[in-house]
N, C-alpha and C. Protein backbone atom coordinates (compact mmCIF):
# COMPACT_ATOMS: atom_id res chain seq x y z
N MET A 1 83.94 140.36 131.00
CA MET A 1 83.86 139.75 132.12
C MET A 1 83.51 140.52 133.10
N ALA A 2 83.74 141.43 133.42
CA ALA A 2 83.43 142.47 134.47
C ALA A 2 82.14 143.13 134.78
N ARG A 3 81.22 142.83 133.53
CA ARG A 3 79.95 143.31 133.11
C ARG A 3 79.32 142.10 133.98
N ARG A 4 79.67 141.01 133.72
CA ARG A 4 78.85 139.70 133.51
C ARG A 4 78.89 139.32 135.44
N VAL A 5 80.50 139.51 135.71
CA VAL A 5 80.21 139.67 137.36
C VAL A 5 79.34 140.38 138.32
N THR A 6 79.60 141.88 137.53
CA THR A 6 78.69 142.80 138.24
C THR A 6 77.09 142.45 138.08
N TRP A 7 76.78 141.79 137.13
CA TRP A 7 75.46 141.42 136.58
C TRP A 7 74.90 140.39 137.94
N LEU A 8 76.05 139.14 137.77
CA LEU A 8 76.02 138.64 138.95
C LEU A 8 75.62 138.76 140.25
N GLY A 9 76.36 139.45 140.58
CA GLY A 9 76.50 139.85 142.17
C GLY A 9 75.32 140.51 142.15
N ARG A 10 74.71 141.31 141.14
CA ARG A 10 73.65 142.58 141.70
C ARG A 10 72.08 141.27 141.56
N THR A 11 71.97 140.01 140.57
CA THR A 11 71.51 139.58 140.68
C THR A 11 71.16 138.58 141.85
N ALA A 12 72.14 137.72 142.18
CA ALA A 12 72.09 137.06 144.06
C ALA A 12 71.66 138.00 144.59
N THR A 13 72.28 139.30 144.63
CA THR A 13 71.95 140.35 145.79
C THR A 13 70.21 140.30 145.79
N HIS A 14 69.67 140.70 144.93
CA HIS A 14 68.30 140.64 144.63
C HIS A 14 67.70 139.51 145.10
N LEU A 15 68.20 138.39 144.78
CA LEU A 15 66.92 137.35 145.25
C LEU A 15 67.57 136.52 146.38
N ILE A 16 68.84 136.90 146.88
CA ILE A 16 68.77 136.29 148.74
C ILE A 16 68.85 137.68 149.71
N LEU A 17 68.81 138.84 149.16
CA LEU A 17 68.60 139.84 150.32
C LEU A 17 67.39 140.75 150.06
N ARG A 18 67.06 140.70 148.80
CA ARG A 18 65.18 141.22 148.54
C ARG A 18 65.69 142.54 148.91
N PRO A 19 66.41 143.66 148.49
CA PRO A 19 66.16 144.70 148.55
C PRO A 19 64.83 145.52 148.40
N GLU A 20 64.49 145.36 147.44
CA GLU A 20 62.82 145.94 146.26
C GLU A 20 62.05 145.62 147.86
N ALA A 21 61.65 144.40 148.27
CA ALA A 21 60.91 143.62 149.51
C ALA A 21 61.05 144.67 150.53
N ALA A 22 62.23 144.84 150.77
CA ALA A 22 62.50 146.08 152.24
C ALA A 22 62.26 147.39 152.11
N LYS A 23 62.20 147.79 150.62
CA LYS A 23 61.81 148.97 150.30
C LYS A 23 60.52 149.38 150.39
N GLN A 24 59.67 148.31 149.76
CA GLN A 24 57.89 148.51 149.92
C GLN A 24 57.27 148.05 151.32
N ARG A 25 58.39 147.29 152.16
CA ARG A 25 57.81 147.65 153.48
C ARG A 25 58.20 148.74 154.37
N PHE A 26 59.28 149.36 153.82
CA PHE A 26 59.33 150.88 154.65
C PHE A 26 58.78 151.62 154.25
N LEU A 27 58.45 152.02 152.78
CA LEU A 27 57.14 152.93 152.07
C LEU A 27 55.93 152.54 152.84
N ALA A 28 55.77 151.01 153.15
CA ALA A 28 54.19 150.75 153.72
C ALA A 28 54.04 151.63 155.05
N LYS A 29 55.81 151.11 155.96
CA LYS A 29 55.43 151.76 157.60
C LYS A 29 55.57 152.96 157.70
N TYR A 30 56.19 153.42 156.81
CA TYR A 30 56.60 155.01 156.88
C TYR A 30 56.04 156.02 156.16
N CYS A 31 55.77 155.34 155.04
CA CYS A 31 54.87 156.80 154.27
C CYS A 31 53.64 156.65 153.58
N SER A 32 52.74 155.32 154.16
CA SER A 32 51.32 155.67 153.95
C SER A 32 50.40 156.50 153.95
N SER A 33 50.66 157.07 155.52
CA SER A 33 50.06 158.00 155.79
C SER A 33 50.42 159.88 154.94
N VAL A 34 51.18 159.37 154.25
CA VAL A 34 51.61 160.88 153.45
C VAL A 34 50.24 161.21 152.30
N ARG A 35 49.40 162.14 152.26
CA ARG A 35 48.36 162.27 151.95
C ARG A 35 48.41 164.18 151.83
N HIS A 36 48.10 164.64 150.53
CA HIS A 36 47.82 166.17 150.47
C HIS A 36 49.30 166.63 150.63
N GLN A 37 49.95 165.77 150.09
CA GLN A 37 51.15 166.89 150.23
C GLN A 37 52.15 166.97 148.98
N ARG A 38 53.34 167.78 148.87
CA ARG A 38 53.96 168.03 147.75
C ARG A 38 55.27 167.44 148.33
N VAL A 39 55.40 166.30 147.08
CA VAL A 39 56.41 165.72 147.43
C VAL A 39 57.57 165.54 145.72
N LEU A 40 58.59 165.84 146.70
CA LEU A 40 60.09 165.68 145.70
C LEU A 40 60.62 164.09 145.63
N GLU A 41 60.91 163.75 144.22
CA GLU A 41 61.37 162.55 144.46
C GLU A 41 62.86 162.60 143.98
N ILE A 42 64.15 162.39 144.42
CA ILE A 42 65.58 162.80 144.19
C ILE A 42 65.79 161.24 143.21
N GLY A 43 66.40 161.15 142.70
CA GLY A 43 67.19 159.88 141.62
C GLY A 43 65.87 159.13 140.83
N SER A 44 64.64 159.80 140.24
CA SER A 44 63.48 158.97 140.06
C SER A 44 64.07 157.99 138.46
N GLY A 45 65.28 158.11 138.45
CA GLY A 45 66.02 157.29 137.41
C GLY A 45 65.74 157.04 136.20
N ARG A 46 65.71 156.41 134.86
CA ARG A 46 65.82 155.86 134.00
C ARG A 46 64.70 154.96 133.73
N ALA A 47 63.97 155.10 132.52
CA ALA A 47 63.01 154.04 132.21
C ALA A 47 63.42 152.67 131.67
N VAL A 48 62.86 151.71 131.71
CA VAL A 48 63.42 150.30 131.66
C VAL A 48 61.72 149.91 131.05
N LYS A 49 62.24 149.29 129.49
CA LYS A 49 60.96 148.87 128.98
C LYS A 49 59.70 149.76 129.04
N GLY A 50 59.95 150.95 129.20
CA GLY A 50 58.92 152.13 129.22
C GLY A 50 58.34 152.16 130.62
N LYS A 51 59.19 151.62 131.96
CA LYS A 51 58.57 152.18 132.77
C LYS A 51 59.72 152.42 133.68
N TYR A 52 59.36 153.42 134.81
CA TYR A 52 60.47 154.05 135.65
C TYR A 52 60.52 152.99 136.69
N ILE A 53 61.40 151.83 136.68
CA ILE A 53 61.44 151.06 137.68
C ILE A 53 61.97 151.35 139.22
N TYR A 54 62.77 152.44 138.90
CA TYR A 54 63.42 153.05 139.92
C TYR A 54 62.62 154.19 140.76
N SER A 55 61.52 154.24 140.06
CA SER A 55 60.50 155.64 140.90
C SER A 55 59.56 154.81 141.73
N VAL A 56 59.51 155.31 142.81
CA VAL A 56 58.43 154.80 143.85
C VAL A 56 57.48 156.27 143.77
N ARG A 57 57.09 156.92 142.51
CA ARG A 57 56.21 158.40 142.41
C ARG A 57 54.74 157.24 142.75
N ASP A 58 54.55 156.29 142.10
CA ASP A 58 52.85 155.88 142.28
C ASP A 58 52.79 155.51 143.60
N PHE A 59 53.31 155.42 144.35
CA PHE A 59 53.23 155.11 145.54
C PHE A 59 52.49 156.03 146.05
N PHE A 60 52.99 157.31 146.13
CA PHE A 60 52.53 158.07 146.72
C PHE A 60 51.14 159.00 145.67
N LEU A 61 51.17 158.32 144.53
CA LEU A 61 49.81 158.93 144.13
C LEU A 61 48.92 157.68 143.90
N ALA A 62 49.06 156.66 144.73
CA ALA A 62 47.64 155.45 144.61
C ALA A 62 46.75 155.63 145.93
N ASP A 63 45.53 155.01 145.86
CA ASP A 63 44.35 155.27 146.61
C ASP A 63 44.00 156.77 146.97
N GLY A 64 43.75 157.67 146.13
CA GLY A 64 43.50 158.77 146.22
C GLY A 64 44.41 159.65 147.07
N LYS A 65 45.42 159.41 147.25
CA LYS A 65 46.44 160.21 148.32
C LYS A 65 46.53 161.70 148.12
N ASN A 66 46.12 162.07 146.59
CA ASN A 66 46.33 163.50 146.30
C ASN A 66 47.57 163.95 146.76
N ASN A 67 48.42 163.43 146.38
CA ASN A 67 50.10 164.29 146.28
C ASN A 67 50.10 164.83 144.98
N VAL A 68 51.22 165.65 145.19
CA VAL A 68 51.28 165.96 143.87
C VAL A 68 53.37 165.47 143.99
N VAL A 69 53.29 164.96 143.17
CA VAL A 69 54.81 164.54 142.97
C VAL A 69 55.69 164.78 141.84
N ASP A 70 57.24 165.64 142.31
CA ASP A 70 57.54 165.91 141.31
C ASP A 70 58.99 165.16 141.21
N CYS A 71 58.93 164.56 140.18
CA CYS A 71 60.15 163.46 140.22
C CYS A 71 61.11 164.07 138.90
N SER A 72 62.73 163.62 139.58
CA SER A 72 63.95 164.41 139.15
C SER A 72 65.36 163.36 139.29
N ASP A 73 66.09 163.83 138.73
CA ASP A 73 67.12 163.31 138.45
C ASP A 73 68.25 164.14 137.85
N MET A 74 69.47 163.70 138.05
CA MET A 74 70.73 164.58 137.64
C MET A 74 71.39 164.34 136.02
N MET A 75 70.41 163.12 135.74
CA MET A 75 70.73 162.96 134.23
C MET A 75 69.50 163.33 132.87
N PRO A 76 69.71 164.56 132.71
CA PRO A 76 68.82 165.03 131.40
C PRO A 76 68.04 164.00 130.85
N GLU A 77 68.89 162.90 130.00
CA GLU A 77 67.93 161.98 129.49
C GLU A 77 67.26 160.73 129.92
N HIS A 78 66.86 161.50 131.59
CA HIS A 78 66.38 160.24 131.96
C HIS A 78 64.43 160.80 131.96
N GLY A 79 64.37 162.19 131.39
CA GLY A 79 63.10 163.00 131.32
C GLY A 79 62.52 163.46 132.61
N HIS A 80 62.90 163.39 133.68
CA HIS A 80 62.26 164.23 134.48
C HIS A 80 62.88 165.43 135.27
N ARG A 81 62.71 166.18 136.03
CA ARG A 81 63.21 167.58 136.27
C ARG A 81 64.81 167.23 136.83
N VAL A 82 65.53 168.09 136.11
CA VAL A 82 67.19 167.98 136.31
C VAL A 82 67.58 168.77 137.51
N LEU A 83 67.87 168.08 139.02
CA LEU A 83 68.37 168.20 140.03
C LEU A 83 70.16 167.71 140.24
N ASP A 84 70.67 168.45 141.19
CA ASP A 84 71.77 167.91 141.52
C ASP A 84 71.94 168.36 143.11
N ILE A 85 71.70 167.48 143.86
CA ILE A 85 71.44 167.82 145.59
C ILE A 85 72.58 168.17 146.11
N ARG A 86 73.59 168.29 145.01
CA ARG A 86 74.89 168.81 145.82
C ARG A 86 75.07 170.25 145.65
N THR A 87 74.15 171.15 144.39
CA THR A 87 74.25 172.46 144.67
C THR A 87 72.70 172.97 144.09
N MET A 88 71.45 171.98 144.56
CA MET A 88 70.43 172.88 144.30
C MET A 88 70.13 173.85 145.06
N ASP A 89 69.65 174.75 144.69
CA ASP A 89 69.33 175.63 145.34
C ASP A 89 67.12 176.09 146.02
N LEU A 90 66.43 174.67 146.53
CA LEU A 90 65.51 175.14 146.58
C LEU A 90 65.03 175.12 148.19
N VAL A 91 64.21 176.24 148.34
CA VAL A 91 64.17 176.62 150.13
C VAL A 91 62.72 176.69 149.94
N ASP A 92 62.43 175.63 151.34
CA ASP A 92 60.84 175.47 151.81
C ASP A 92 59.68 175.35 150.52
N GLU A 93 60.25 173.94 150.00
CA GLU A 93 59.38 173.97 148.43
C GLU A 93 58.64 173.20 148.60
N TYR A 94 59.29 171.93 149.43
CA TYR A 94 58.55 170.48 149.59
C TYR A 94 58.20 170.02 151.14
N ASP A 95 56.92 169.28 151.45
CA ASP A 95 56.25 168.85 152.33
C ASP A 95 57.40 167.17 152.65
N VAL A 96 57.76 166.61 151.38
CA VAL A 96 58.11 165.58 151.82
C VAL A 96 59.20 164.95 150.64
N ILE A 97 60.00 164.92 150.74
CA ILE A 97 61.36 164.52 149.79
C ILE A 97 61.66 163.11 150.02
N ILE A 98 61.60 162.26 148.95
CA ILE A 98 62.20 160.67 148.80
C ILE A 98 63.62 160.95 148.40
N CYS A 99 64.36 160.15 148.81
CA CYS A 99 66.01 160.31 147.93
C CYS A 99 66.43 158.78 148.50
N PHE A 100 65.84 157.65 147.73
CA PHE A 100 66.01 156.56 147.58
C PHE A 100 67.39 155.80 146.51
N ASN A 101 68.33 155.54 147.41
CA ASN A 101 69.53 154.75 146.27
C ASN A 101 70.04 155.82 145.73
N VAL A 102 70.28 156.80 146.54
CA VAL A 102 71.09 158.13 145.63
C VAL A 102 72.30 158.27 146.08
N LEU A 103 72.13 158.70 148.02
CA LEU A 103 73.32 159.32 148.66
C LEU A 103 74.70 158.49 148.45
N GLU A 104 74.74 157.14 148.47
CA GLU A 104 75.59 156.16 148.25
C GLU A 104 76.92 156.57 146.94
N HIS A 105 76.04 157.29 146.03
CA HIS A 105 76.71 158.04 144.79
C HIS A 105 77.23 159.55 144.68
N VAL A 106 76.97 159.84 146.19
CA VAL A 106 77.21 161.29 146.32
C VAL A 106 78.60 161.53 147.17
N TYR A 107 79.29 161.74 146.16
CA TYR A 107 80.63 161.71 147.38
C TYR A 107 80.62 163.06 148.59
N GLU A 108 80.01 164.03 148.07
CA GLU A 108 79.61 165.42 149.02
C GLU A 108 78.66 165.39 149.43
N TRP A 109 78.56 164.51 150.25
CA TRP A 109 76.69 164.23 150.91
C TRP A 109 76.86 165.43 152.00
N GLN A 110 77.65 165.73 152.64
CA GLN A 110 77.14 166.97 153.50
C GLN A 110 76.49 168.23 152.95
N PRO A 111 77.07 169.04 151.78
CA PRO A 111 75.83 169.91 151.18
C PRO A 111 74.63 169.25 150.81
N ALA A 112 75.11 168.07 150.07
CA ALA A 112 73.54 167.62 149.76
C ALA A 112 72.28 167.34 150.67
N ILE A 113 72.85 167.04 151.71
CA ILE A 113 71.95 166.56 152.94
C ILE A 113 71.48 168.15 153.34
N ALA A 114 72.03 169.01 153.72
CA ALA A 114 72.18 170.56 153.88
C ALA A 114 70.74 170.97 152.73
N ASN A 115 71.19 170.60 151.45
CA ASN A 115 70.48 170.95 150.50
C ASN A 115 68.93 170.64 150.66
N LEU A 116 68.68 168.99 150.71
CA LEU A 116 67.60 168.45 151.03
C LEU A 116 66.78 169.38 152.42
N LYS A 117 67.44 169.44 153.37
CA LYS A 117 66.78 170.01 154.60
C LYS A 117 66.28 171.50 154.21
N ARG A 118 67.09 172.25 153.42
CA ARG A 118 66.59 173.28 152.86
C ARG A 118 65.36 173.37 152.09
N ALA A 119 65.33 172.28 151.42
CA ALA A 119 64.37 172.25 150.38
C ALA A 119 63.05 171.67 150.72
N LEU A 120 62.95 171.46 152.20
CA LEU A 120 61.80 171.02 152.88
C LEU A 120 60.88 172.11 153.34
N ARG A 121 59.81 172.33 153.40
CA ARG A 121 59.19 173.31 154.22
C ARG A 121 59.03 172.71 155.84
N PRO A 122 59.23 174.09 156.59
CA PRO A 122 58.84 173.76 158.14
C PRO A 122 57.73 172.50 158.08
N GLY A 123 57.99 171.68 159.28
CA GLY A 123 57.30 170.51 159.53
C GLY A 123 57.49 169.27 158.21
N GLY A 124 58.46 169.37 157.30
CA GLY A 124 58.65 168.55 156.20
C GLY A 124 59.24 167.09 156.81
N THR A 125 59.39 166.03 155.91
CA THR A 125 59.87 164.89 156.37
C THR A 125 61.11 164.44 155.08
N LEU A 126 62.23 164.13 155.32
CA LEU A 126 62.92 163.31 154.46
C LEU A 126 62.73 161.87 154.67
N PHE A 127 62.95 161.01 153.63
CA PHE A 127 62.64 159.90 153.78
C PHE A 127 64.10 159.09 152.63
N VAL A 128 65.05 158.47 153.27
CA VAL A 128 66.51 158.06 152.69
C VAL A 128 66.52 156.61 152.85
N LEU A 129 66.93 155.95 151.60
CA LEU A 129 66.83 154.78 151.46
C LEU A 129 68.52 154.60 150.84
N VAL A 130 69.23 153.70 152.13
CA VAL A 130 70.18 153.85 150.98
C VAL A 130 71.05 151.80 151.47
N PRO A 131 72.12 151.49 150.51
CA PRO A 131 71.83 150.12 150.67
C PRO A 131 73.36 149.64 151.80
N ALA A 132 73.30 148.49 152.62
CA ALA A 132 74.15 148.53 153.32
C ALA A 132 75.16 147.37 152.96
N LEU A 133 74.39 146.21 152.59
CA LEU A 133 74.97 144.95 152.27
C LEU A 133 74.70 145.04 150.61
N TYR A 134 75.74 145.38 149.63
CA TYR A 134 75.09 145.22 148.12
C TYR A 134 76.60 145.19 147.35
N PRO A 135 76.17 144.80 146.36
CA PRO A 135 77.54 144.54 145.34
C PRO A 135 77.79 146.29 144.97
N LEU A 136 79.09 146.93 144.37
CA LEU A 136 79.68 148.14 143.56
C LEU A 136 78.32 148.02 142.47
N HIS A 137 78.20 149.34 141.70
CA HIS A 137 77.15 149.23 140.94
C HIS A 137 77.68 150.52 140.63
N ASP A 138 77.11 151.36 139.50
CA ASP A 138 77.44 152.20 138.97
C ASP A 138 78.53 152.92 138.95
N GLU A 139 79.51 152.20 138.93
CA GLU A 139 80.69 152.55 138.91
C GLU A 139 81.23 153.29 138.02
N PRO A 140 82.34 154.11 138.36
CA PRO A 140 83.09 154.61 139.14
C PRO A 140 82.11 155.72 140.32
N HIS A 141 80.96 155.65 140.43
CA HIS A 141 80.43 156.25 141.40
C HIS A 141 79.60 155.63 142.16
N ASP A 142 80.13 154.85 142.84
CA ASP A 142 79.40 154.49 144.16
C ASP A 142 80.41 154.20 145.29
N TYR A 143 80.51 155.25 146.15
CA TYR A 143 81.02 155.93 147.04
C TYR A 143 81.24 155.72 148.50
N TRP A 144 79.67 155.11 149.17
CA TRP A 144 79.49 154.66 150.38
C TRP A 144 78.59 153.63 150.78
N ARG A 145 78.89 153.27 151.99
CA ARG A 145 78.26 152.28 152.80
C ARG A 145 77.90 152.78 153.94
N PHE A 146 76.93 153.06 154.49
CA PHE A 146 76.63 154.15 155.89
C PHE A 146 76.40 153.18 156.86
N THR A 147 76.97 153.28 157.96
CA THR A 147 76.25 152.44 159.27
C THR A 147 75.01 153.37 159.62
N GLU A 148 74.14 152.58 160.84
CA GLU A 148 73.07 153.42 161.45
C GLU A 148 74.00 154.46 162.25
N HIS A 149 74.81 154.37 162.83
CA HIS A 149 75.47 155.25 163.51
C HIS A 149 75.85 156.55 162.75
N ALA A 150 76.58 156.43 161.63
CA ALA A 150 77.12 157.39 160.71
C ALA A 150 75.88 158.11 160.23
N LEU A 151 74.82 157.31 159.85
CA LEU A 151 73.66 158.32 159.34
C LEU A 151 72.98 158.91 160.53
N ARG A 152 72.62 158.41 161.65
CA ARG A 152 72.07 159.30 162.93
C ARG A 152 72.95 160.95 162.88
N ARG A 153 74.47 160.67 162.76
CA ARG A 153 75.03 161.65 163.08
C ARG A 153 74.80 162.74 161.63
N MET A 154 74.97 162.00 160.12
CA MET A 154 75.10 162.45 158.86
C MET A 154 73.55 163.34 159.27
N PHE A 155 72.59 163.19 160.08
CA PHE A 155 71.42 164.07 159.48
C PHE A 155 70.79 164.60 161.21
N SER A 156 71.92 164.63 161.82
CA SER A 156 71.80 165.01 162.94
C SER A 156 71.36 166.85 162.80
N ASP A 157 71.39 167.47 162.22
CA ASP A 157 70.60 168.88 162.14
C ASP A 157 69.15 168.89 161.46
N PHE A 158 68.77 167.46 161.79
CA PHE A 158 67.28 167.65 161.54
C PHE A 158 66.49 167.65 163.19
N ASP A 159 65.60 168.07 163.31
CA ASP A 159 65.11 167.89 164.80
C ASP A 159 64.61 166.36 165.18
N SER A 160 64.21 165.79 164.19
CA SER A 160 64.06 164.09 165.05
C SER A 160 64.64 163.22 163.61
N VAL A 161 65.57 162.13 164.06
CA VAL A 161 65.88 161.10 163.14
C VAL A 161 65.98 159.86 163.61
N THR A 162 65.03 158.83 162.64
CA THR A 162 64.57 157.50 162.93
C THR A 162 65.86 156.58 162.11
N VAL A 163 66.15 155.74 162.43
CA VAL A 163 66.95 155.21 161.62
C VAL A 163 66.83 153.53 161.56
N ASP A 164 66.00 153.19 160.56
CA ASP A 164 65.41 151.88 160.37
C ASP A 164 65.97 150.62 159.60
N HIS A 165 66.31 149.76 159.47
CA HIS A 165 67.03 148.68 158.65
C HIS A 165 66.44 147.56 158.48
N ALA A 166 66.72 146.55 156.85
CA ALA A 166 66.25 145.48 156.86
C ALA A 166 67.35 144.32 157.19
N GLY A 167 67.24 143.20 157.89
CA GLY A 167 68.14 142.38 157.85
C GLY A 167 68.56 142.47 159.46
N VAL A 168 69.59 141.52 159.77
CA VAL A 168 69.87 141.87 161.26
C VAL A 168 70.75 143.03 161.27
N ARG A 169 70.54 143.68 162.42
CA ARG A 169 71.04 145.37 163.18
C ARG A 169 72.46 145.19 162.63
N HIS A 170 72.99 144.05 163.30
CA HIS A 170 74.56 143.98 162.89
C HIS A 170 75.11 143.55 161.29
N LEU A 171 74.14 143.47 160.85
CA LEU A 171 74.64 143.40 159.50
C LEU A 171 73.43 143.85 158.22
N PRO A 172 73.12 144.70 158.35
CA PRO A 172 71.98 145.22 157.73
C PRO A 172 71.88 144.99 155.97
N THR A 173 71.03 144.73 155.48
CA THR A 173 70.82 144.80 154.05
C THR A 173 70.83 146.08 153.36
N VAL A 174 69.80 146.68 154.13
CA VAL A 174 69.22 148.10 153.64
C VAL A 174 69.16 149.03 155.04
N GLN A 175 69.41 150.50 154.95
CA GLN A 175 69.27 151.54 156.02
C GLN A 175 68.46 152.29 155.43
N PHE A 176 67.34 152.85 156.27
CA PHE A 176 66.12 153.32 156.07
C PHE A 176 66.08 154.71 157.28
N VAL A 177 66.28 156.10 156.56
CA VAL A 177 66.21 156.95 157.39
C VAL A 177 64.74 158.09 157.44
N VAL A 178 63.98 158.45 158.60
CA VAL A 178 63.20 159.54 158.83
C VAL A 178 63.56 160.59 159.30
N ALA A 179 63.78 161.78 158.40
CA ALA A 179 64.42 162.82 159.04
C ALA A 179 63.40 164.23 159.04
N ARG A 180 63.09 164.47 160.13
CA ARG A 180 61.69 165.89 160.02
C ARG A 180 62.15 167.01 160.44
N ARG A 181 62.08 167.90 159.78
CA ARG A 181 62.35 169.32 160.01
C ARG A 181 61.51 170.00 160.79
N ARG A 182 61.69 170.76 161.60
CA ARG A 182 60.60 171.48 162.37
C ARG A 182 59.82 172.61 161.71
């Protein structure tokens, strides 16, 4: 019964609030100029019917962008580089890091954000997407729904932070962060 309710909640959310459409708008608005960069995608996810439907890798490889994209996930069975952002020790390796639909599942978000910043090369950019209005999922590891104000403080160690949203500002469906390192 609980699985059916969860499935129904997720399906209704996707039909009504359209978080995938919001993700595509954010990619087009903020990421379309990413070219000739080394990109790390955090949480590339599992394959569904042979396709990595949770990954945005193809967006960064399309149209001759000439990016190099490394996919990662903390679950080895998903077939990507195994990385846990809470403990990873990458330093100055990537120009761009994509972290979509991951931070709500990271209880220890402070070291995760510090590690993401450290993994960026000087001048690098971190793109983060988190749900704001979305049913519980991947339980019991769904911990957070962040406000725009929380996100600004969480990423305050970066040199510049932009927070955008889908939906009405006071009731957003998705929050999107662009954090830049000098």
